[in-house]
């Protein structure tokens, strides 16, 4: 199953100094998707869209794409790229 990570799973951990700097940098930007960057660092996307994204990613995860080539021409915001 492919699914966006649960952002709550990264909460409460003490990040190393470089992760702290990355968190500060990320605060300058708006994120649409919630993407796991490290074991403790997740982009602060919009949780409102997670359930819909999960439905799509679950369906894709059930498809057998072995031996297939995929070209995502209109990737829009990159959901399928990740």
Protein backbone atom coordinates (compact mmCIF):
# COMPACT_ATOMS: atom_id res chain seq x y z
CA UNK A 1 0.00 0.00 0.00
CA UNK A 2 1.33 3.43 -0.96
CA UNK A 3 0.05 6.23 1.23
CA UNK A 4 1.07 9.68 2.41
CA UNK A 5 2.75 9.50 5.81
CA UNK A 6 0.88 10.44 8.93
CA UNK A 7 2.41 13.79 10.00
CA UNK A 8 1.63 13.03 13.65
CA UNK A 9 4.14 10.16 13.62
CA UNK A 10 6.99 12.68 13.30
CA UNK A 11 5.82 14.88 16.17
CA UNK A 12 7.57 14.99 19.52
CA UNK A 13 10.97 13.77 18.36
CA UNK A 14 14.03 15.93 18.99
CA UNK A 15 15.45 16.69 15.55
CA UNK A 16 19.17 16.97 14.92
CA UNK A 17 20.43 20.53 14.36
CA UNK A 18 20.34 20.25 10.56
CA UNK A 19 16.71 19.10 10.66
CA UNK A 20 15.88 22.10 12.84
CA UNK A 21 17.35 24.42 10.22
CA UNK A 22 15.40 22.61 7.50
CA UNK A 23 12.18 23.00 9.50
CA UNK A 24 12.79 26.75 9.73
CA UNK A 25 13.36 26.93 5.99
CA UNK A 26 10.20 24.92 5.29
CA UNK A 27 8.15 27.39 7.34
CA UNK A 28 8.77 29.96 4.62
CA UNK A 29 6.82 27.91 2.06
CA UNK A 30 3.32 26.50 1.65
CA UNK A 31 3.07 22.79 0.98
CA UNK A 32 0.15 20.98 -0.61
CA UNK A 33 1.31 17.39 -0.04
CA UNK A 34 2.50 15.78 3.16
CA UNK A 35 5.78 14.14 2.18
CA UNK A 36 8.12 12.25 4.50
CA UNK A 37 11.63 13.65 4.06
CA UNK A 38 13.36 11.80 6.92
CA UNK A 39 12.23 9.53 9.74
CA UNK A 40 11.30 12.61 11.78
CA UNK A 41 10.72 15.31 9.16
CA UNK A 42 7.53 15.67 7.15
CA UNK A 43 6.41 18.56 4.96
CA UNK A 44 3.51 20.46 6.54
CA UNK A 45 1.00 19.83 3.78
CA UNK A 46 -2.74 20.26 3.93
CA UNK A 47 -4.30 17.31 5.84
CA UNK A 48 -7.65 18.13 4.23
CA UNK A 49 -6.51 16.32 1.05
CA UNK A 50 -4.91 13.24 2.60
CA UNK A 51 -8.01 11.00 2.46
CA UNK A 52 -8.55 11.70 -1.25
CA UNK A 53 -4.86 11.22 -2.02
CA UNK A 54 -4.87 7.95 -0.09
CA UNK A 55 -7.73 6.61 -2.21
CA UNK A 56 -5.83 7.35 -5.41
CA UNK A 57 -2.50 6.03 -4.12
CA UNK A 58 -4.12 2.86 -2.74
CA UNK A 59 -5.68 2.17 -6.16
CA UNK A 60 -2.32 2.75 -7.86
CA UNK A 61 -0.61 0.49 -5.34
CA UNK A 62 -2.89 -2.39 -6.36
CA UNK A 63 -1.94 -2.09 -10.03
CA UNK A 64 0.70 -4.44 -11.39
CA UNK A 65 3.13 -2.15 -13.21
CA UNK A 66 6.00 -4.65 -13.43
CA UNK A 67 7.66 -4.42 -16.82
CA UNK A 68 5.69 -1.28 -17.66
CA UNK A 69 7.02 2.18 -18.38
CA UNK A 70 5.21 5.21 -17.07
CA UNK A 71 5.50 8.80 -18.26
CA UNK A 72 3.63 11.29 -16.11
CA UNK A 73 3.26 14.17 -18.58
CA UNK A 74 0.79 16.32 -16.67
CA UNK A 75 2.08 15.79 -13.14
CA UNK A 76 0.49 19.05 -11.89
CA UNK A 77 1.62 19.09 -8.27
CA UNK A 78 3.64 15.87 -8.25
CA UNK A 79 1.37 13.52 -6.26
CA UNK A 80 2.15 10.60 -8.54
CA UNK A 81 5.80 11.57 -8.86
CA UNK A 82 6.40 10.78 -5.21
